[in-house]
Amino acid sequence: MERRLNLIKSDFEKHEKRVLPRFPFCYLTFKSDETARVYEVKDISHTGMQISLKEEGHNFQADSVLKGSIHWLGKNLDIAGTVKWSTSNRLGVEFVKRREVMEKVQDFLNIKEIVKRLKPLHKVEGGLEIPPRLKYWLRSDGPVELFVWQHGDGEIAKVQVLFLEVFVEWEDGAGLKTGRILSKRNVDSPLLTEDEWVFQMDQDADVEKLVKVKELIALIPQEQLPAEVQTFMVRQLS
């Protein structure tokens, strides 16, 4: 599915939006100690996370302290943080900035662990509607989304990678862009389940972000992403 970006410019920074397909199930969850309610982790990085309830209603406000456990396919992380913003069913949480907490988060979000949990959604049969020109779609719940789009003749048209807080995009004819994830929200669509992402874009492609994404690509098994596609992606990101 092809939706062009909406561009918002200011004198200080550039924000861009993308509407991308959303997988309806998430195995990365957070259970609050205070209420024992289970939230879906919509987005996560080394510094914080965005969590969501399926139904509206919670008692947390900005600056509230939140404690609980993140669960991810047999792996658990006890965490504490501060609510930075809230809506009726979503919370933005900043993790406590203590060394031992940061080290635990780093270990929990180890790149090899993330890659082990990648799912090739383009291979899912039945019940998942894939946009017609989306050739490859890999997902590791909150930490990673990877999209490879194709032209009508089968050639690669666009590559988009969301890796923790990093966004990298290469588009045929437009070149390379990098940025940082700012927010994510559900989009109501009659055809597809989608999310709208907002990014703070870099003025020029950020080499450090590109190195992180290339490291991720190099670890992906070839049965999930063919070697020739990985080679193409790395070449374009270089």
C-alpha atoms as a PDB file:
ATOM      1  CA  MET A   1       0.000   0.000   0.000  1.00  0.00           C
ATOM      2  CA  GLU A   2       1.360   3.375  -0.986  1.00  0.00           C
ATOM      3  CA  ARG A   3       0.573   6.423   1.113  1.00  0.00           C
ATOM      4  CA  ARG A   4       2.734   9.475   0.701  1.00  0.00           C
ATOM      5  CA  LEU A   5       4.085  11.329   3.676  1.00  0.00           C
ATOM      6  CA  ASN A   6       2.616  14.370   5.318  1.00  0.00           C
ATOM      7  CA  LEU A   7       5.331  16.918   5.972  1.00  0.00           C
ATOM      8  CA  ILE A   8       5.429  19.367   8.859  1.00  0.00           C
ATOM      9  CA  LYS A   9       8.277  21.874   8.816  1.00  0.00           C
ATOM     10  CA  SER A  10       9.561  24.321  11.385  1.00  0.00           C
ATOM     11  CA  ASP A  11      12.685  26.409  11.746  1.00  0.00           C
ATOM     12  CA  PHE A  12      14.185  23.872  14.154  1.00  0.00           C
ATOM     13  CA  GLU A  13      13.135  20.369  13.131  1.00  0.00           C
ATOM     14  CA  LYS A  14      11.273  18.398  10.505  1.00  0.00           C
ATOM     15  CA  HIS A  15       8.565  15.887  11.361  1.00  0.00           C
ATOM     16  CA  GLU A  16       7.272  13.344   8.873  1.00  0.00           C
ATOM     17  CA  LYS A  17       4.416  10.862   9.088  1.00  0.00           C
ATOM     18  CA  ARG A  18       4.071   7.397   7.635  1.00  0.00           C
ATOM     19  CA  VAL A  19       1.007   5.155   7.647  1.00  0.00           C
ATOM     20  CA  LEU A  20       2.155   1.531   7.788  1.00  0.00           C
ATOM     21  CA  PRO A  21       0.424  -1.847   8.158  1.00  0.00           C
ATOM     22  CA  ARG A  22      -0.175  -3.072  11.704  1.00  0.00           C
ATOM     23  CA  PHE A  23      -0.068  -6.693  12.835  1.00  0.00           C
ATOM     24  CA  PRO A  24      -3.114  -7.266  15.085  1.00  0.00           C
ATOM     25  CA  PHE A  25      -1.325  -9.361  17.741  1.00  0.00           C
ATOM     26  CA  CYS A  26       1.473  -8.379  20.123  1.00  0.00           C
ATOM     27  CA  TYR A  27       3.367 -10.741  22.436  1.00  0.00           C
ATOM     28  CA  LEU A  28       5.237  -7.929  24.209  1.00  0.00           C
ATOM     29  CA  THR A  29       3.185  -6.885  27.238  1.00  0.00           C
ATOM     30  CA  PHE A  30       3.483  -4.904  30.466  1.00  0.00           C
ATOM     31  CA  LYS A  31       1.736  -5.851  33.715  1.00  0.00           C
ATOM     32  CA  SER A  32       1.327  -3.057  36.252  1.00  0.00           C
ATOM     33  CA  ASP A  33       2.081  -3.803  39.920  1.00  0.00           C
ATOM     34  CA  GLU A  34      -0.489  -1.228  41.049  1.00  0.00           C
ATOM     35  CA  THR A  35      -3.510  -2.520  39.170  1.00  0.00           C
ATOM     36  CA  ALA A  36      -2.434  -5.932  37.799  1.00  0.00           C
ATOM     37  CA  ARG A  37      -3.770  -4.795  34.425  1.00  0.00           C
ATOM     38  CA  VAL A  38      -1.978  -5.986  31.295  1.00  0.00           C
ATOM     39  CA  TYR A  39      -0.980  -3.441  28.650  1.00  0.00           C
ATOM     40  CA  GLU A  40       0.269  -4.036  25.128  1.00  0.00           C
ATOM     41  CA  VAL A  41       3.703  -2.514  24.536  1.00  0.00           C
ATOM     42  CA  LYS A  42       3.166  -0.554  21.324  1.00  0.00           C
ATOM     43  CA  ASP A  43       6.692   0.824  21.090  1.00  0.00           C
ATOM     44  CA  ILE A  44       9.865   0.456  23.158  1.00  0.00           C
ATOM     45  CA  SER A  45      13.421   1.785  23.247  1.00  0.00           C
ATOM     46  CA  HIS A  46      16.302   1.824  25.718  1.00  0.00           C
ATOM     47  CA  THR A  47      14.825   4.908  27.410  1.00  0.00           C
ATOM     48  CA  GLY A  48      11.093   4.234  27.556  1.00  0.00           C
ATOM     49  CA  MET A  49       7.973   2.684  26.085  1.00  0.00           C
ATOM     50  CA  GLN A  50       4.453   3.422  24.887  1.00  0.00           C
ATOM     51  CA  ILE A  51       1.804   1.084  26.308  1.00  0.00           C
ATOM     52  CA  SER A  52      -1.862   0.634  25.469  1.00  0.00           C
ATOM     53  CA  LEU A  53      -5.040  -0.899  26.873  1.00  0.00           C
ATOM     54  CA  LYS A  54      -7.616  -2.424  24.543  1.00  0.00           C
ATOM     55  CA  GLU A  55     -10.368  -0.646  26.471  1.00  0.00           C
ATOM     56  CA  GLU A  56     -10.302   2.895  27.847  1.00  0.00           C
ATOM     57  CA  GLY A  57      -9.723   3.690  31.500  1.00  0.00           C
ATOM     58  CA  HIS A  58      -6.720   3.937  33.829  1.00  0.00           C
ATOM     59  CA  ASN A  59      -5.710   6.103  36.799  1.00  0.00           C
ATOM     60  CA  PHE A  60      -2.254   7.246  35.717  1.00  0.00           C
ATOM     61  CA  GLN A  61      -1.518  10.913  35.001  1.00  0.00           C
ATOM     62  CA  ALA A  62       1.620  12.698  33.837  1.00  0.00           C
ATOM     63  CA  ASP A  63       4.455  12.407  36.406  1.00  0.00           C
ATOM     64  CA  SER A  64       2.919   9.302  38.011  1.00  0.00           C
ATOM     65  CA  VAL A  65       5.368   6.556  38.970  1.00  0.00           C
ATOM     66  CA  LEU A  66       4.686   3.257  37.193  1.00  0.00           C
ATOM     67  CA  LYS A  67       6.110  -0.090  38.285  1.00  0.00           C
ATOM     68  CA  GLY A  68       5.623  -3.545  36.851  1.00  0.00           C
ATOM     69  CA  SER A  69       7.008  -6.260  34.570  1.00  0.00           C
ATOM     70  CA  ILE A  70       7.524  -6.460  30.824  1.00  0.00           C
ATOM     71  CA  HIS A  71       6.888  -9.964  29.433  1.00  0.00           C
ATOM     72  CA  TRP A  72       8.086 -11.161  26.027  1.00  0.00           C
ATOM     73  CA  LEU A  73       7.833 -14.803  24.991  1.00  0.00           C
ATOM     74  CA  GLY A  74       9.340 -16.246  28.157  1.00  0.00           C
ATOM     75  CA  LYS A  75      11.598 -13.299  28.961  1.00  0.00           C
ATOM     76  CA  ASN A  76      10.715 -10.910  31.817  1.00  0.00           C
ATOM     77  CA  LEU A  77      11.951  -7.491  32.926  1.00  0.00           C
ATOM     78  CA  ASP A  78      10.958  -5.753  36.162  1.00  0.00           C
ATOM     79  CA  ILE A  79      10.898  -2.036  35.421  1.00  0.00           C
ATOM     80  CA  ALA A  80       9.993   1.327  36.932  1.00  0.00           C
ATOM     81  CA  GLY A  81       9.367   4.591  35.166  1.00  0.00           C
ATOM     82  CA  THR A  82       7.588   7.924  35.064  1.00  0.00           C
ATOM     83  CA  VAL A  83       4.472   8.621  33.000  1.00  0.00           C
ATOM     84  CA  LYS A  84       5.337  11.462  30.619  1.00  0.00           C
ATOM     85  CA  TRP A  85       1.931  11.672  28.924  1.00  0.00           C
ATOM     86  CA  SER A  86      -1.389   9.842  29.001  1.00  0.00           C
ATOM     87  CA  THR A  87      -4.622   9.469  27.025  1.00  0.00           C
ATOM     88  CA  SER A  88      -7.732   7.461  27.874  1.00  0.00           C
ATOM     89  CA  ASN A  89      -6.047   4.166  26.949  1.00  0.00           C
ATOM     90  CA  ARG A  90      -2.358   4.952  26.317  1.00  0.00           C
ATOM     91  CA  LEU A  91       0.671   5.921  28.359  1.00  0.00           C
ATOM     92  CA  GLY A  92       4.106   7.193  27.422  1.00  0.00           C
ATOM     93  CA  VAL A  93       6.621   5.990  30.025  1.00  0.00           C
ATOM     94  CA  GLU A  94      10.228   7.049  30.598  1.00  0.00           C
ATOM     95  CA  PHE A  95      12.328   4.428  32.360  1.00  0.00           C
ATOM     96  CA  VAL A  96      14.103   5.323  35.611  1.00  0.00           C
ATOM     97  CA  LYS A  97      17.585   6.625  34.769  1.00  0.00           C
ATOM     98  CA  ARG A  98      19.584   4.428  37.096  1.00  0.00           C
ATOM     99  CA  ARG A  99      22.592   2.470  35.909  1.00  0.00           C
ATOM    100  CA  GLU A 100      21.280  -0.923  37.001  1.00  0.00           C
ATOM    101  CA  VAL A 101      17.933  -0.258  35.286  1.00  0.00           C
ATOM    102  CA  MET A 102      19.597   0.861  32.067  1.00  0.00           C
ATOM    103  CA  GLU A 103      21.806  -2.235  32.047  1.00  0.00           C
ATOM    104  CA  LYS A 104      18.776  -4.518  32.501  1.00  0.00           C
ATOM    105  CA  VAL A 105      16.961  -2.787  29.635  1.00  0.00           C
ATOM    106  CA  GLN A 106      20.055  -3.092  27.409  1.00  0.00           C
ATOM    107  CA  ASP A 107      20.192  -6.827  28.115  1.00  0.00           C
ATOM    108  CA  PHE A 108      16.443  -7.288  27.558  1.00  0.00           C
ATOM    109  CA  LEU A 109      16.668  -5.507  24.195  1.00  0.00           C
ATOM    110  CA  ASN A 110      19.849  -7.253  23.071  1.00  0.00           C
ATOM    111  CA  ILE A 111      19.931  -7.278  19.255  1.00  0.00           C
ATOM    112  CA  LYS A 112      20.413 -11.063  19.050  1.00  0.00           C
ATOM    113  CA  GLU A 113      17.377 -11.642  21.279  1.00  0.00           C
ATOM    114  CA  ILE A 114      15.352  -9.273  19.109  1.00  0.00           C
ATOM    115  CA  VAL A 115      16.357 -11.082  15.909  1.00  0.00           C
ATOM    116  CA  LYS A 116      15.433 -14.466  17.449  1.00  0.00           C
ATOM    117  CA  ARG A 117      11.893 -13.127  17.901  1.00  0.00           C
ATOM    118  CA  LEU A 118      11.489 -11.785  14.355  1.00  0.00           C
ATOM    119  CA  LYS A 119       8.408 -13.106  12.561  1.00  0.00           C
ATOM    120  CA  PRO A 120       8.183 -13.159   8.729  1.00  0.00           C
ATOM    121  CA  LEU A 121       4.623 -11.862   8.430  1.00  0.00           C
ATOM    122  CA  HIS A 122       4.740 -12.031   4.621  1.00  0.00           C
ATOM    123  CA  LYS A 123       4.671 -15.830   5.068  1.00  0.00           C
ATOM    124  CA  VAL A 124       1.585 -15.878   7.301  1.00  0.00           C
ATOM    125  CA  GLU A 125      -1.237 -17.696   5.553  1.00  0.00           C
ATOM    126  CA  GLY A 126      -4.864 -16.691   6.014  1.00  0.00           C
ATOM    127  CA  GLY A 127      -6.411 -13.913   8.055  1.00  0.00           C
ATOM    128  CA  LEU A 128      -3.674 -11.303   7.510  1.00  0.00           C
ATOM    129  CA  GLU A 129      -4.238  -8.807   4.728  1.00  0.00           C
ATOM    130  CA  ILE A 130      -0.938  -7.703   3.201  1.00  0.00           C
ATOM    131  CA  PRO A 131      -0.759  -4.609   0.943  1.00  0.00           C
ATOM    132  CA  PRO A 132      -0.248  -5.805  -2.653  1.00  0.00           C
ATOM    133  CA  ARG A 133       3.235  -4.298  -3.141  1.00  0.00           C
ATOM    134  CA  LEU A 134       4.634  -5.240   0.241  1.00  0.00           C
ATOM    135  CA  LYS A 135       7.118  -7.999  -0.600  1.00  0.00           C
ATOM    136  CA  TYR A 136       8.697  -8.641   2.821  1.00  0.00           C
ATOM    137  CA  TRP A 137       7.437  -7.738   6.301  1.00  0.00           C
ATOM    138  CA  LEU A 138       9.425  -8.744   9.373  1.00  0.00           C
ATOM    139  CA  ARG A 139       8.297  -7.890  12.888  1.00  0.00           C
ATOM    140  CA  SER A 140       9.672  -8.391  16.379  1.00  0.00           C
ATOM    141  CA  ASP A 141       6.719  -7.014  18.357  1.00  0.00           C
ATOM    142  CA  GLY A 142       7.705  -3.594  19.781  1.00  0.00           C
ATOM    143  CA  PRO A 143      11.421  -3.321  18.874  1.00  0.00           C
ATOM    144  CA  VAL A 144      11.473  -3.954  15.088  1.00  0.00           C
ATOM    145  CA  GLU A 145       9.355  -3.476  11.978  1.00  0.00           C
ATOM    146  CA  LEU A 146      10.963  -4.023   8.563  1.00  0.00           C
ATOM    147  CA  PHE A 147       9.118  -3.378   5.300  1.00  0.00           C
ATOM    148  CA  VAL A 148      10.386  -4.041   1.765  1.00  0.00           C
ATOM    149  CA  TRP A 149       8.103  -2.682  -0.969  1.00  0.00           C
ATOM    150  CA  GLN A 150       8.318  -3.497  -4.672  1.00  0.00           C
ATOM    151  CA  HIS A 151       7.490  -1.858  -7.998  1.00  0.00           C
ATOM    152  CA  GLY A 152       5.007  -3.477 -10.361  1.00  0.00           C
ATOM    153  CA  ASP A 153       7.909  -5.210 -12.156  1.00  0.00           C
ATOM    154  CA  GLY A 154       9.132  -6.776  -8.913  1.00  0.00           C
ATOM    155  CA  GLU A 155      12.150  -4.511  -8.375  1.00  0.00           C
ATOM    156  CA  ILE A 156      12.601  -3.089  -4.873  1.00  0.00           C
ATOM    157  CA  ALA A 157      10.930   0.325  -4.572  1.00  0.00           C
ATOM    158  CA  LYS A 158      11.317   1.182  -0.895  1.00  0.00           C
ATOM    159  CA  VAL A 159      12.846  -0.121   2.317  1.00  0.00           C
ATOM    160  CA  GLN A 160      11.644   1.045   5.760  1.00  0.00           C
ATOM    161  CA  VAL A 161      13.154  -0.108   9.046  1.00  0.00           C
ATOM    162  CA  LEU A 162      12.016   0.828  12.554  1.00  0.00           C
ATOM    163  CA  PHE A 163      14.543  -0.441  15.095  1.00  0.00           C
ATOM    164  CA  LEU A 164      13.937   0.646  18.691  1.00  0.00           C
ATOM    165  CA  GLU A 165      13.926   4.483  18.454  1.00  0.00           C
ATOM    166  CA  VAL A 166      15.593   4.535  15.009  1.00  0.00           C
ATOM    167  CA  PHE A 167      13.860   5.034  11.637  1.00  0.00           C
ATOM    168  CA  VAL A 168      15.674   4.409   8.338  1.00  0.00           C
ATOM    169  CA  GLU A 169      14.132   4.662   4.888  1.00  0.00           C
ATOM    170  CA  TRP A 170      15.489   4.205   1.387  1.00  0.00           C
ATOM    171  CA  GLU A 171      13.228   4.974  -1.581  1.00  0.00           C
ATOM    172  CA  ASP A 172      13.995   4.488  -5.262  1.00  0.00           C
ATOM    173  CA  GLY A 173      14.453   7.930  -6.789  1.00  0.00           C
ATOM    174  CA  ALA A 174      14.303   9.738  -3.428  1.00  0.00           C
ATOM    175  CA  GLY A 175      17.334   8.290  -1.667  1.00  0.00           C
ATOM    176  CA  LEU A 176      18.112   7.734   1.983  1.00  0.00           C
ATOM    177  CA  LYS A 177      16.564   9.256   5.128  1.00  0.00           C
ATOM    178  CA  THR A 178      17.010   8.652   8.842  1.00  0.00           C
ATOM    179  CA  GLY A 179      15.147   9.862  11.894  1.00  0.00           C
ATOM    180  CA  ARG A 180      13.907   9.140  15.391  1.00  0.00           C
ATOM    181  CA  ILE A 181      10.493   7.725  16.306  1.00  0.00           C
ATOM    182  CA  LEU A 182       8.344  10.248  18.177  1.00  0.00           C
ATOM    183  CA  SER A 183       4.918   8.620  18.344  1.00  0.00           C
ATOM    184  CA  LYS A 184       2.626   5.901  17.064  1.00  0.00           C
ATOM    185  CA  ARG A 185      -1.164   5.676  16.984  1.00  0.00           C
ATOM    186  CA  ASN A 186      -3.830   3.434  15.502  1.00  0.00           C
ATOM    187  CA  VAL A 187      -5.517   4.485  12.274  1.00  0.00           C
ATOM    188  CA  ASP A 188      -9.091   3.474  11.432  1.00  0.00           C
ATOM    189  CA  SER A 189      -9.191   2.122   7.897  1.00  0.00           C
ATOM    190  CA  PRO A 190     -11.910   0.172   6.080  1.00  0.00           C
ATOM    191  CA  LEU A 191      -9.329  -1.945   4.262  1.00  0.00           C
ATOM    192  CA  LEU A 192      -6.318  -2.530   6.489  1.00  0.00           C
ATOM    193  CA  THR A 193      -5.205  -2.405  10.088  1.00  0.00           C
ATOM    194  CA  GLU A 194      -2.697   0.438  10.177  1.00  0.00           C
ATOM    195  CA  ASP A 195      -0.575   2.642  12.424  1.00  0.00           C
ATOM    196  CA  GLU A 196       0.430   6.252  11.906  1.00  0.00           C
ATOM    197  CA  TRP A 197       4.041   6.906  12.891  1.00  0.00           C
ATOM    198  CA  VAL A 198       5.576  10.343  13.434  1.00  0.00           C
ATOM    199  CA  PHE A 199       9.339  10.799  13.073  1.00  0.00           C
ATOM    200  CA  GLN A 200      11.772  13.594  13.780  1.00  0.00           C
ATOM    201  CA  MET A 201      13.932  13.481  10.671  1.00  0.00           C
ATOM    202  CA  ASP A 202      17.656  14.138  10.524  1.00  0.00           C
ATOM    203  CA  GLN A 203      18.901  16.897   8.264  1.00  0.00           C
ATOM    204  CA  ASP A 204      21.285  14.388   6.680  1.00  0.00           C
ATOM    205  CA  ALA A 205      21.370  10.601   6.938  1.00  0.00           C
ATOM    206  CA  ASP A 206      22.774   9.692  10.357  1.00  0.00           C
ATOM    207  CA  VAL A 207      25.691   7.264  10.023  1.00  0.00           C
ATOM    208  CA  GLU A 208      25.211   5.841  13.533  1.00  0.00           C
ATOM    209  CA  LYS A 209      21.578   4.944  12.789  1.00  0.00           C
ATOM    210  CA  LEU A 210      22.600   3.321   9.507  1.00  0.00           C
ATOM    211  CA  VAL A 211      25.257   1.227  11.253  1.00  0.00           C
ATOM    212  CA  LYS A 212      22.675  -0.048  13.778  1.00  0.00           C
ATOM    213  CA  VAL A 213      20.229  -1.053  11.054  1.00  0.00           C
ATOM    214  CA  LYS A 214      22.918  -2.743   8.957  1.00  0.00           C
ATOM    215  CA  GLU A 215      23.956  -4.744  12.033  1.00  0.00           C
ATOM    216  CA  LEU A 216      20.335  -5.840  12.424  1.00  0.00           C
ATOM    217  CA  ILE A 217      20.027  -6.844   8.763  1.00  0.00           C
ATOM    218  CA  ALA A 218      23.241  -8.889   8.902  1.00  0.00           C
ATOM    219  CA  LEU A 219      21.791 -11.061  11.694  1.00  0.00           C
ATOM    220  CA  ILE A 220      18.481 -11.877   9.958  1.00  0.00           C
ATOM    221  CA  PRO A 221      18.304 -15.528   8.809  1.00  0.00           C
ATOM    222  CA  GLN A 222      18.185 -15.945   5.028  1.00  0.00           C
ATOM    223  CA  GLU A 223      15.015 -18.037   5.226  1.00  0.00           C
ATOM    224  CA  GLN A 224      13.276 -14.897   6.505  1.00  0.00           C
ATOM    225  CA  LEU A 225      14.988 -12.403   4.190  1.00  0.00           C
ATOM    226  CA  PRO A 226      16.867 -13.700   1.101  1.00  0.00           C
ATOM    227  CA  ALA A 227      20.597 -12.983   0.864  1.00  0.00           C
ATOM    228  CA  GLU A 228      20.217 -10.939  -2.319  1.00  0.00           C
ATOM    229  CA  VAL A 229      17.662  -8.675  -0.623  1.00  0.00           C
ATOM    230  CA  GLN A 230      19.919  -8.224   2.403  1.00  0.00           C
ATOM    231  CA  THR A 231      22.848  -7.381   0.118  1.00  0.00           C
ATOM    232  CA  PHE A 232      20.722  -4.835  -1.765  1.00  0.00           C
ATOM    233  CA  MET A 233      19.537  -3.229   1.462  1.00  0.00           C
ATOM    234  CA  VAL A 234      23.037  -2.952   2.941  1.00  0.00           C
ATOM    235  CA  ARG A 235      24.323  -1.450  -0.297  1.00  0.00           C
ATOM    236  CA  GLN A 236      21.605   1.203  -0.351  1.00  0.00           C
ATOM    237  CA  LEU A 237      22.150   2.030   3.323  1.00  0.00           C
ATOM    238  CA  SER A 238      25.843   2.565   2.676  1.00  0.00           C
END
